[in-house]
Amino acid sequence: TSSNYHMGWFRQAPGKERKFVAAISWNGASTSYEDSVKGRFTISRDNA
């Protein structure tokens, strides 16, 4: 069940390290974003 997990998105460009983009808590109550995507990207979840 996805609701047992916090979920994150990461990205990796060629020749670069994998980096954090965004995350959302198990119940959707909390989110976090890397500075360069704030205001442009939105993370969400549908546990159903």
All heavy atoms as atom14 arrays in JSON, in Angstrom:
{
  "sequence": "TSSNYHMGWFRQAPGKERKFVAAISWNGASTSYEDSVKGRFTISRDNA",
  "atom14_mask": [
    [1, 1, 1, 1, 1, 1, 1, 0, 0, 0, 0, 0, 0, 0],
    [1, 1, 1, 1, 1, 1, 0, 0, 0, 0, 0, 0, 0, 0],
    [1, 1, 1, 1, 1, 1, 0, 0, 0, 0, 0, 0, 0, 0],
    [1, 1, 1, 1, 1, 1, 1, 1, 0, 0, 0, 0, 0, 0],
    [1, 1, 1, 1, 1, 1, 1, 1, 1, 1, 1, 1, 0, 0],
    [1, 1, 1, 1, 1, 1, 1, 1, 1, 1, 0, 0, 0, 0],
    [1, 1, 1, 1, 1, 1, 1, 1, 0, 0, 0, 0, 0, 0],
    [1, 1, 1, 1, 0, 0, 0, 0, 0, 0, 0, 0, 0, 0],
    [1, 1, 1, 1, 1, 1, 1, 1, 1, 1, 1, 1, 1, 1],
    [1, 1, 1, 1, 1, 1, 1, 1, 1, 1, 1, 0, 0, 0],
    [1, 1, 1, 1, 1, 1, 1, 1, 1, 1, 1, 0, 0, 0],
    [1, 1, 1, 1, 1, 1, 1, 1, 1, 0, 0, 0, 0, 0],
    [1, 1, 1, 1, 1, 0, 0, 0, 0, 0, 0, 0, 0, 0],
    [1, 1, 1, 1, 1, 1, 1, 0, 0, 0, 0, 0, 0, 0],
    [1, 1, 1, 1, 0, 0, 0, 0, 0, 0, 0, 0, 0, 0],
    [1, 1, 1, 1, 1, 1, 1, 1, 1, 0, 0, 0, 0, 0],
    [1, 1, 1, 1, 1, 1, 1, 1, 1, 0, 0, 0, 0, 0],
    [1, 1, 1, 1, 1, 1, 1, 1, 1, 1, 1, 0, 0, 0],
    [1, 1, 1, 1, 1, 1, 1, 1, 1, 0, 0, 0, 0, 0],
    [1, 1, 1, 1, 1, 1, 1, 1, 1, 1, 1, 0, 0, 0],
    [1, 1, 1, 1, 1, 1, 1, 0, 0, 0, 0, 0, 0, 0],
    [1, 1, 1, 1, 1, 0, 0, 0, 0, 0, 0, 0, 0, 0],
    [1, 1, 1, 1, 1, 0, 0, 0, 0, 0, 0, 0, 0, 0],
    [1, 1, 1, 1, 1, 1, 1, 1, 0, 0, 0, 0, 0, 0],
    [1, 1, 1, 1, 1, 1, 0, 0, 0, 0, 0, 0, 0, 0],
    [1, 1, 1, 1, 1, 1, 1, 1, 1, 1, 1, 1, 1, 1],
    [1, 1, 1, 1, 1, 1, 1, 1, 0, 0, 0, 0, 0, 0],
    [1, 1, 1, 1, 0, 0, 0, 0, 0, 0, 0, 0, 0, 0],
    [1, 1, 1, 1, 1, 0, 0, 0, 0, 0, 0, 0, 0, 0],
    [1, 1, 1, 1, 1, 1, 0, 0, 0, 0, 0, 0, 0, 0],
    [1, 1, 1, 1, 1, 1, 1, 0, 0, 0, 0, 0, 0, 0],
    [1, 1, 1, 1, 1, 1, 0, 0, 0, 0, 0, 0, 0, 0],
    [1, 1, 1, 1, 1, 1, 1, 1, 1, 1, 1, 1, 0, 0],
    [1, 1, 1, 1, 1, 1, 1, 1, 1, 0, 0, 0, 0, 0],
    [1, 1, 1, 1, 1, 1, 1, 1, 0, 0, 0, 0, 0, 0],
    [1, 1, 1, 1, 1, 1, 0, 0, 0, 0, 0, 0, 0, 0],
    [1, 1, 1, 1, 1, 1, 1, 0, 0, 0, 0, 0, 0, 0],
    [1, 1, 1, 1, 1, 1, 1, 1, 1, 0, 0, 0, 0, 0],
    [1, 1, 1, 1, 0, 0, 0, 0, 0, 0, 0, 0, 0, 0],
    [1, 1, 1, 1, 1, 1, 1, 1, 1, 1, 1, 0, 0, 0],
    [1, 1, 1, 1, 1, 1, 1, 1, 1, 1, 1, 0, 0, 0],
    [1, 1, 1, 1, 1, 1, 1, 0, 0, 0, 0, 0, 0, 0],
    [1, 1, 1, 1, 1, 1, 1, 1, 0, 0, 0, 0, 0, 0],
    [1, 1, 1, 1, 1, 1, 0, 0, 0, 0, 0, 0, 0, 0],
    [1, 1, 1, 1, 1, 1, 1, 1, 1, 1, 1, 0, 0, 0],
    [1, 1, 1, 1, 1, 1, 1, 1, 0, 0, 0, 0, 0, 0],
    [1, 1, 1, 1, 1, 1, 1, 1, 0, 0, 0, 0, 0, 0],
    [1, 1, 1, 1, 1, 0, 0, 0, 0, 0, 0, 0, 0, 0]
  ],
  "atom14_positions": [
    [[0.83, -1.19, 0.0], [0.0, 0.0, 0.0], [0.87, 1.25, 0.0], [1.76, 1.39, 0.84], [-0.91, 0.01, 1.24], [-1.68, -1.17, 1.25], [-1.82, 1.22, 1.21], [0.0, 0.0, 0.0], [0.0, 0.0, 0.0], [0.0, 0.0, 0.0], [0.0, 0.0, 0.0], [0.0, 0.0, 0.0], [0.0, 0.0, 0.0], [0.0, 0.0, 0.0]],
    [[0.63, 2.13, -0.94], [1.49, 3.32, -1.07], [1.43, 4.21, 0.16], [2.38, 4.94, 0.45], [1.09, 4.11, -2.31], [-0.23, 4.61, -2.19], [0.0, 0.0, 0.0], [0.0, 0.0, 0.0], [0.0, 0.0, 0.0], [0.0, 0.0, 0.0], [0.0, 0.0, 0.0], [0.0, 0.0, 0.0], [0.0, 0.0, 0.0], [0.0, 0.0, 0.0]],
    [[0.33, 4.14, 0.92], [0.21, 5.03, 2.07], [1.18, 4.66, 3.19], [1.28, 5.38, 4.18], [-1.23, 5.01, 2.6], [-1.62, 3.72, 2.98], [0.0, 0.0, 0.0], [0.0, 0.0, 0.0], [0.0, 0.0, 0.0], [0.0, 0.0, 0.0], [0.0, 0.0, 0.0], [0.0, 0.0, 0.0], [0.0, 0.0, 0.0], [0.0, 0.0, 0.0]],
    [[1.89, 3.54, 3.07], [2.92, 3.19, 4.05], [4.24, 3.89, 3.79], [5.19, 3.71, 4.57], [3.16, 1.68, 4.03], [1.98, 0.88, 4.55], [1.2, 1.38, 5.35], [1.84, -0.34, 4.09], [0.0, 0.0, 0.0], [0.0, 0.0, 0.0], [0.0, 0.0, 0.0], [0.0, 0.0, 0.0], [0.0, 0.0, 0.0], [0.0, 0.0, 0.0]],
    [[4.31, 4.67, 2.74], [5.58, 5.24, 2.29], [5.49, 6.74, 2.01], [4.51, 7.22, 1.45], [6.06, 4.53, 1.02], [6.28, 3.06, 1.21], [5.24, 2.16, 1.03], [7.52, 2.58, 1.59], [5.44, 0.8, 1.22], [7.73, 1.23, 1.78], [6.69, 0.34, 1.6], [6.9, -0.99, 1.79], [0.0, 0.0, 0.0], [0.0, 0.0, 0.0]],
    [[6.56, 7.44, 2.4], [6.79, 8.75, 1.82], [7.33, 8.49, 0.41], [8.04, 7.51, 0.17], [7.84, 9.53, 2.6], [7.52, 9.73, 4.05], [6.27, 10.08, 4.51], [8.32, 9.62, 5.15], [6.3, 10.19, 5.82], [7.53, 9.9, 6.24], [0.0, 0.0, 0.0], [0.0, 0.0, 0.0], [0.0, 0.0, 0.0], [0.0, 0.0, 0.0]],
    [[7.02, 9.4, -0.5], [7.43, 9.22, -1.89], [8.24, 10.41, -2.36], [7.93, 11.56, -2.03], [6.21, 9.05, -2.78], [5.34, 7.85, -2.45], [6.17, 6.28, -2.69], [6.44, 6.3, -4.46], [0.0, 0.0, 0.0], [0.0, 0.0, 0.0], [0.0, 0.0, 0.0], [0.0, 0.0, 0.0], [0.0, 0.0, 0.0], [0.0, 0.0, 0.0]],
    [[9.26, 10.11, -3.15], [10.11, 11.18, -3.67], [10.32, 11.06, -5.16], [10.16, 9.99, -5.75], [0.0, 0.0, 0.0], [0.0, 0.0, 0.0], [0.0, 0.0, 0.0], [0.0, 0.0, 0.0], [0.0, 0.0, 0.0], [0.0, 0.0, 0.0], [0.0, 0.0, 0.0], [0.0, 0.0, 0.0], [0.0, 0.0, 0.0], [0.0, 0.0, 0.0]],
    [[10.65, 12.19, -5.75], [11.1, 12.25, -7.15], [12.54, 12.76, -7.16], [12.86, 13.74, -6.49], [10.23, 13.18, -7.98], [8.88, 12.63, -8.34], [7.7, 12.86, -7.7], [8.58, 11.75, -9.43], [6.68, 12.18, -8.32], [7.19, 11.49, -9.39], [9.33, 11.17, -10.45], [6.55, 10.69, -10.33], [8.68, 10.36, -11.37], [7.31, 10.12, -11.3]],
    [[13.35, 12.1, -7.94], [14.75, 12.48, -8.13], [15.0, 12.57, -9.63], [14.24, 12.05, -10.44], [15.68, 11.44, -7.51], [15.66, 11.42, -6.01], [14.59, 10.87, -5.31], [16.71, 11.96, -5.28], [14.55, 10.86, -3.93], [16.69, 11.95, -3.89], [15.62, 11.4, -3.22], [0.0, 0.0, 0.0], [0.0, 0.0, 0.0], [0.0, 0.0, 0.0]],
    [[16.09, 13.22, -9.99], [16.47, 13.28, -11.4], [17.96, 13.15, -11.55], [18.73, 13.51, -10.65], [15.95, 14.55, -12.07], [16.53, 15.84, -11.52], [15.82, 17.03, -12.16], [16.3, 18.31, -11.64], [15.75, 19.48, -11.96], [14.69, 19.55, -12.79], [16.24, 20.6, -11.45], [0.0, 0.0, 0.0], [0.0, 0.0, 0.0], [0.0, 0.0, 0.0]],
    [[18.34, 12.64, -12.71], [19.76, 12.43, -12.99], [20.03, 12.82, -14.43], [19.52, 12.2, -15.37], [20.15, 10.97, -12.74], [21.63, 10.71, -12.84], [22.0, 9.36, -12.27], [21.17, 8.46, -12.13], [23.27, 9.19, -11.95], [0.0, 0.0, 0.0], [0.0, 0.0, 0.0], [0.0, 0.0, 0.0], [0.0, 0.0, 0.0], [0.0, 0.0, 0.0]],
    [[20.85, 13.85, -14.58], [21.28, 14.28, -15.9], [22.52, 13.5, -16.3], [23.22, 12.95, -15.44], [21.58, 15.78, -15.88], [0.0, 0.0, 0.0], [0.0, 0.0, 0.0], [0.0, 0.0, 0.0], [0.0, 0.0, 0.0], [0.0, 0.0, 0.0], [0.0, 0.0, 0.0], [0.0, 0.0, 0.0], [0.0, 0.0, 0.0], [0.0, 0.0, 0.0]],
    [[22.82, 13.41, -17.6], [23.99, 12.66, -18.05], [25.27, 13.12, -17.37], [25.56, 14.32, -17.33], [24.02, 12.93, -19.56], [22.61, 13.22, -19.91], [22.04, 13.95, -18.72], [0.0, 0.0, 0.0], [0.0, 0.0, 0.0], [0.0, 0.0, 0.0], [0.0, 0.0, 0.0], [0.0, 0.0, 0.0], [0.0, 0.0, 0.0], [0.0, 0.0, 0.0]],
    [[26.0, 12.18, -16.81], [27.26, 12.5, -16.16], [27.14, 13.18, -14.82], [28.16, 13.57, -14.24], [0.0, 0.0, 0.0], [0.0, 0.0, 0.0], [0.0, 0.0, 0.0], [0.0, 0.0, 0.0], [0.0, 0.0, 0.0], [0.0, 0.0, 0.0], [0.0, 0.0, 0.0], [0.0, 0.0, 0.0], [0.0, 0.0, 0.0], [0.0, 0.0, 0.0]],
    [[25.93, 13.28, -14.31], [25.72, 13.95, -13.02], [25.18, 12.96, -11.99], [24.7, 11.88, -12.31], [24.71, 15.09, -13.21], [25.12, 16.16, -14.22], [26.19, 17.06, -13.69], [26.54, 18.18, -14.64], [25.42, 19.13, -14.81], [0.0, 0.0, 0.0], [0.0, 0.0, 0.0], [0.0, 0.0, 0.0], [0.0, 0.0, 0.0], [0.0, 0.0, 0.0]],
    [[25.23, 13.38, -10.74], [24.67, 12.58, -9.67], [23.15, 12.68, -9.66], [22.58, 13.66, -10.14], [25.21, 13.05, -8.32], [26.68, 12.79, -8.11], [27.14, 13.2, -6.72], [26.35, 13.86, -6.02], [28.25, 12.87, -6.34], [0.0, 0.0, 0.0], [0.0, 0.0, 0.0], [0.0, 0.0, 0.0], [0.0, 0.0, 0.0], [0.0, 0.0, 0.0]],
    [[22.53, 11.67, -9.1], [21.08, 11.7, -8.92], [20.75, 12.7, -7.81], [21.34, 12.66, -6.73], [20.56, 10.31, -8.57], [19.06, 10.17, -8.63], [18.65, 8.71, -8.49], [19.18, 7.9, -9.6], [18.87, 6.63, -9.79], [18.02, 6.01, -8.97], [19.4, 5.96, -10.8], [0.0, 0.0, 0.0], [0.0, 0.0, 0.0], [0.0, 0.0, 0.0]],
    [[19.79, 13.59, -8.09], [19.49, 14.66, -7.14], [18.01, 14.71, -6.79], [17.15, 14.39, -7.62], [19.95, 16.0, -7.71], [21.46, 16.13, -7.85], [21.85, 17.53, -8.28], [23.35, 17.69, -8.33], [23.75, 19.07, -8.74], [0.0, 0.0, 0.0], [0.0, 0.0, 0.0], [0.0, 0.0, 0.0], [0.0, 0.0, 0.0], [0.0, 0.0, 0.0]],
    [[17.76, 15.17, -5.6], [16.4, 15.33, -5.08], [15.65, 16.4, -5.86], [16.21, 17.46, -6.17], [16.48, 15.7, -3.6], [15.15, 16.08, -3.0], [14.24, 15.12, -2.66], [14.85, 17.42, -2.77], [13.01, 15.47, -2.11], [13.64, 17.79, -2.21], [12.72, 16.81, -1.88], [0.0, 0.0, 0.0], [0.0, 0.0, 0.0], [0.0, 0.0, 0.0]],
    [[14.38, 16.11, -6.14], [13.51, 17.09, -6.8], [12.36, 17.48, -5.89], [12.13, 18.66, -5.63], [12.96, 16.53, -8.13], [11.96, 17.52, -8.74], [14.09, 16.24, -9.1], [0.0, 0.0, 0.0], [0.0, 0.0, 0.0], [0.0, 0.0, 0.0], [0.0, 0.0, 0.0], [0.0, 0.0, 0.0], [0.0, 0.0, 0.0], [0.0, 0.0, 0.0]],
    [[11.62, 16.48, -5.41], [10.44, 16.77, -4.59], [10.07, 15.51, -3.81], [10.44, 14.4, -4.21], [9.26, 17.22, -5.45], [0.0, 0.0, 0.0], [0.0, 0.0, 0.0], [0.0, 0.0, 0.0], [0.0, 0.0, 0.0], [0.0, 0.0, 0.0], [0.0, 0.0, 0.0], [0.0, 0.0, 0.0], [0.0, 0.0, 0.0], [0.0, 0.0, 0.0]],
    [[9.32, 15.71, -2.73], [8.85, 14.58, -1.94], [7.53, 14.93, -1.3], [7.2, 16.11, -1.1], [9.87, 14.18, -0.89], [0.0, 0.0, 0.0], [0.0, 0.0, 0.0], [0.0, 0.0, 0.0], [0.0, 0.0, 0.0], [0.0, 0.0, 0.0], [0.0, 0.0, 0.0], [0.0, 0.0, 0.0], [0.0, 0.0, 0.0], [0.0, 0.0, 0.0]],
    [[6.79, 13.88, -0.95], [5.49, 14.05, -0.32], [5.35, 13.01, 0.77], [5.78, 11.86, 0.6], [4.36, 13.96, -1.36], [3.01, 14.33, -0.75], [4.31, 12.59, -2.02], [1.93, 14.59, -1.79], [0.0, 0.0, 0.0], [0.0, 0.0, 0.0], [0.0, 0.0, 0.0], [0.0, 0.0, 0.0], [0.0, 0.0, 0.0], [0.0, 0.0, 0.0]],
    [[4.78, 13.42, 1.89], [4.62, 12.5, 3.01], [3.56, 11.45, 2.71], [2.77, 11.58, 1.77], [4.27, 13.27, 4.28], [3.04, 13.95, 4.11], [0.0, 0.0, 0.0], [0.0, 0.0, 0.0], [0.0, 0.0, 0.0], [0.0, 0.0, 0.0], [0.0, 0.0, 0.0], [0.0, 0.0, 0.0], [0.0, 0.0, 0.0], [0.0, 0.0, 0.0]],
    [[3.52, 10.44, 3.56], [2.65, 9.29, 3.31], [1.18, 9.68, 3.16], [0.44, 9.07, 2.4], [2.8, 8.27, 4.45], [2.27, 8.76, 5.77], [2.94, 9.51, 6.69], [0.96, 8.56, 6.29], [2.11, 9.79, 7.75], [0.9, 9.21, 7.54], [-0.17, 7.87, 5.83], [-0.25, 9.2, 8.32], [-1.32, 7.86, 6.6], [-1.35, 8.53, 7.83]],
    [[0.77, 10.73, 3.87], [-0.63, 11.14, 3.83], [-0.86, 12.4, 3.0], [-1.96, 12.93, 2.97], [-1.16, 11.37, 5.24], [-0.4, 12.44, 5.98], [0.58, 12.98, 5.48], [-0.84, 12.76, 7.19], [0.0, 0.0, 0.0], [0.0, 0.0, 0.0], [0.0, 0.0, 0.0], [0.0, 0.0, 0.0], [0.0, 0.0, 0.0], [0.0, 0.0, 0.0]],
    [[0.19, 12.89, 2.36], [0.07, 14.08, 1.53], [0.1, 15.39, 2.29], [-0.02, 16.45, 1.69], [0.0, 0.0, 0.0], [0.0, 0.0, 0.0], [0.0, 0.0, 0.0], [0.0, 0.0, 0.0], [0.0, 0.0, 0.0], [0.0, 0.0, 0.0], [0.0, 0.0, 0.0], [0.0, 0.0, 0.0], [0.0, 0.0, 0.0], [0.0, 0.0, 0.0]],
    [[0.25, 15.34, 3.6], [0.17, 16.55, 4.41], [1.4, 17.43, 4.28], [1.33, 18.64, 4.5], [-0.04, 16.18, 5.88], [0.0, 0.0, 0.0], [0.0, 0.0, 0.0], [0.0, 0.0, 0.0], [0.0, 0.0, 0.0], [0.0, 0.0, 0.0], [0.0, 0.0, 0.0], [0.0, 0.0, 0.0], [0.0, 0.0, 0.0], [0.0, 0.0, 0.0]],
    [[2.53, 16.83, 3.95], [3.79, 17.59, 3.84], [4.43, 17.36, 2.48], [4.39, 16.26, 1.95], [4.77, 17.15, 4.93], [4.25, 17.4, 6.22], [0.0, 0.0, 0.0], [0.0, 0.0, 0.0], [0.0, 0.0, 0.0], [0.0, 0.0, 0.0], [0.0, 0.0, 0.0], [0.0, 0.0, 0.0], [0.0, 0.0, 0.0], [0.0, 0.0, 0.0]],
    [[5.01, 18.43, 1.96], [5.76, 18.34, 0.72], [7.07, 19.11, 0.86], [7.21, 19.98, 1.74], [4.99, 18.92, -0.48], [4.66, 20.28, -0.21], [3.71, 18.14, -0.75], [0.0, 0.0, 0.0], [0.0, 0.0, 0.0], [0.0, 0.0, 0.0], [0.0, 0.0, 0.0], [0.0, 0.0, 0.0], [0.0, 0.0, 0.0], [0.0, 0.0, 0.0]],
    [[8.0, 18.77, 0.0], [9.29, 19.45, -0.01], [9.79, 19.51, -1.43], [9.58, 18.58, -2.21], [10.29, 18.7, 0.89], [11.55, 19.34, 0.9], [0.0, 0.0, 0.0], [0.0, 0.0, 0.0], [0.0, 0.0, 0.0], [0.0, 0.0, 0.0], [0.0, 0.0, 0.0], [0.0, 0.0, 0.0], [0.0, 0.0, 0.0], [0.0, 0.0, 0.0]],
    [[10.47, 20.63, -1.78], [10.95, 20.82, -3.14], [12.38, 21.34, -3.13], [12.78, 22.12, -2.26], [10.08, 21.85, -3.88], [8.65, 21.42, -4.06], [7.68, 21.78, -3.13], [8.26, 20.68, -5.17], [6.36, 21.39, -3.29], [6.94, 20.29, -5.34], [6.0, 20.64, -4.39], [4.68, 20.26, -4.58], [0.0, 0.0, 0.0], [0.0, 0.0, 0.0]],
    [[13.11, 20.92, -4.15], [14.42, 21.51, -4.4], [14.2, 22.94, -4.86], [13.21, 23.23, -5.55], [15.15, 20.67, -5.43], [16.62, 21.0, -5.61], [16.83, 22.05, -6.66], [16.07, 22.08, -7.63], [17.75, 22.89, -6.48], [0.0, 0.0, 0.0], [0.0, 0.0, 0.0], [0.0, 0.0, 0.0], [0.0, 0.0, 0.0], [0.0, 0.0, 0.0]],
    [[15.1, 23.83, -4.5], [14.87, 25.26, -4.73], [14.59, 25.6, -6.2], [13.75, 26.46, -6.49], [16.07, 26.07, -4.24], [16.12, 26.18, -2.73], [15.11, 25.86, -2.06], [17.18, 26.59, -2.2], [0.0, 0.0, 0.0], [0.0, 0.0, 0.0], [0.0, 0.0, 0.0], [0.0, 0.0, 0.0], [0.0, 0.0, 0.0], [0.0, 0.0, 0.0]],
    [[15.28, 24.95, -7.12], [15.16, 25.36, -8.53], [13.81, 24.98, -9.14], [13.47, 25.48, -10.22], [16.28, 24.73, -9.36], [16.12, 23.34, -9.47], [0.0, 0.0, 0.0], [0.0, 0.0, 0.0], [0.0, 0.0, 0.0], [0.0, 0.0, 0.0], [0.0, 0.0, 0.0], [0.0, 0.0, 0.0], [0.0, 0.0, 0.0], [0.0, 0.0, 0.0]],
    [[13.04, 24.13, -8.48], [11.75, 23.73, -9.04], [10.57, 24.34, -8.27], [9.42, 24.16, -8.69], [11.6, 22.19, -9.09], [12.78, 21.58, -9.82], [11.41, 21.59, -7.71], [0.0, 0.0, 0.0], [0.0, 0.0, 0.0], [0.0, 0.0, 0.0], [0.0, 0.0, 0.0], [0.0, 0.0, 0.0], [0.0, 0.0, 0.0], [0.0, 0.0, 0.0]],
    [[10.85, 25.01, -7.18], [9.76, 25.61, -6.4], [8.98, 26.6, -7.26], [9.55, 27.4, -7.98], [10.33, 26.33, -5.18], [10.79, 25.39, -4.08], [11.34, 26.18, -2.89], [11.8, 25.24, -1.79], [12.4, 25.98, -0.65], [0.0, 0.0, 0.0], [0.0, 0.0, 0.0], [0.0, 0.0, 0.0], [0.0, 0.0, 0.0], [0.0, 0.0, 0.0]],
    [[7.67, 26.5, -7.19], [6.81, 27.37, -7.97], [6.55, 26.86, -9.37], [5.67, 27.39, -10.07], [0.0, 0.0, 0.0], [0.0, 0.0, 0.0], [0.0, 0.0, 0.0], [0.0, 0.0, 0.0], [0.0, 0.0, 0.0], [0.0, 0.0, 0.0], [0.0, 0.0, 0.0], [0.0, 0.0, 0.0], [0.0, 0.0, 0.0], [0.0, 0.0, 0.0]],
    [[7.29, 25.85, -9.81], [7.09, 25.28, -11.16], [6.59, 23.84, -11.11], [5.8, 23.43, -11.95], [8.4, 25.32, -11.94], [8.96, 26.72, -12.15], [10.14, 26.71, -13.13], [11.26, 25.92, -12.65], [11.79, 24.9, -13.33], [11.3, 24.55, -14.5], [12.83, 24.23, -12.84], [0.0, 0.0, 0.0], [0.0, 0.0, 0.0], [0.0, 0.0, 0.0]],
    [[7.07, 23.07, -10.13], [6.71, 21.66, -10.01], [5.77, 21.48, -8.8], [5.91, 22.16, -7.79], [7.94, 20.79, -9.78], [8.87, 20.68, -10.96], [8.75, 21.49, -12.09], [9.89, 19.74, -10.94], [9.6, 21.38, -13.17], [10.76, 19.6, -12.01], [10.62, 20.43, -13.12], [0.0, 0.0, 0.0], [0.0, 0.0, 0.0], [0.0, 0.0, 0.0]],
    [[4.86, 20.53, -8.93], [3.96, 20.19, -7.84], [3.88, 18.67, -7.7], [3.58, 17.98, -8.67], [2.55, 20.75, -8.07], [2.61, 22.16, -8.24], [1.65, 20.43, -6.89], [0.0, 0.0, 0.0], [0.0, 0.0, 0.0], [0.0, 0.0, 0.0], [0.0, 0.0, 0.0], [0.0, 0.0, 0.0], [0.0, 0.0, 0.0], [0.0, 0.0, 0.0]],
    [[4.17, 18.19, -6.51], [4.05, 16.76, -6.23], [2.71, 16.52, -5.54], [2.27, 17.31, -4.71], [5.23, 16.26, -5.38], [5.21, 14.73, -5.28], [5.26, 16.91, -4.01], [6.48, 14.15, -4.65], [0.0, 0.0, 0.0], [0.0, 0.0, 0.0], [0.0, 0.0, 0.0], [0.0, 0.0, 0.0], [0.0, 0.0, 0.0], [0.0, 0.0, 0.0]],
    [[2.08, 15.41, -5.9], [0.81, 15.05, -5.28], [0.7, 13.53, -5.28], [1.5, 12.84, -5.92], [-0.37, 15.68, -6.02], [-0.42, 15.25, -7.37], [0.0, 0.0, 0.0], [0.0, 0.0, 0.0], [0.0, 0.0, 0.0], [0.0, 0.0, 0.0], [0.0, 0.0, 0.0], [0.0, 0.0, 0.0], [0.0, 0.0, 0.0], [0.0, 0.0, 0.0]],
    [[-0.29, 13.03, -4.57], [-0.48, 11.59, -4.53], [-1.95, 11.27, -4.37], [-2.72, 12.04, -3.81], [0.33, 10.96, -3.4], [-0.09, 11.32, -2.01], [0.93, 10.84, -0.97], [1.08, 9.39, -1.0], [2.13, 8.74, -0.49], [3.11, 9.42, 0.09], [2.19, 7.42, -0.54], [0.0, 0.0, 0.0], [0.0, 0.0, 0.0], [0.0, 0.0, 0.0]],
    [[-2.31, 10.1, -4.87], [-3.66, 9.57, -4.71], [-3.48, 8.16, -4.16], [-3.22, 7.21, -4.92], [-4.4, 9.56, -6.05], [-5.84, 9.13, -5.93], [-6.19, 8.46, -4.93], [-6.63, 9.43, -6.83], [0.0, 0.0, 0.0], [0.0, 0.0, 0.0], [0.0, 0.0, 0.0], [0.0, 0.0, 0.0], [0.0, 0.0, 0.0], [0.0, 0.0, 0.0]],
    [[-3.61, 8.02, -2.86], [-3.36, 6.72, -2.24], [-4.41, 5.68, -2.63], [-4.14, 4.48, -2.62], [-3.28, 6.86, -0.73], [-1.96, 7.47, -0.27], [-0.97, 7.46, -1.0], [-1.95, 8.02, 0.94], [0.0, 0.0, 0.0], [0.0, 0.0, 0.0], [0.0, 0.0, 0.0], [0.0, 0.0, 0.0], [0.0, 0.0, 0.0], [0.0, 0.0, 0.0]],
    [[-5.6, 6.14, -2.97], [-6.63, 5.2, -3.43], [-6.23, 4.55, -4.75], [-6.62, 3.41, -5.03], [-7.96, 5.93, -3.58], [0.0, 0.0, 0.0], [0.0, 0.0, 0.0], [0.0, 0.0, 0.0], [0.0, 0.0, 0.0], [0.0, 0.0, 0.0], [0.0, 0.0, 0.0], [0.0, 0.0, 0.0], [0.0, 0.0, 0.0], [0.0, 0.0, 0.0]]
  ]
}
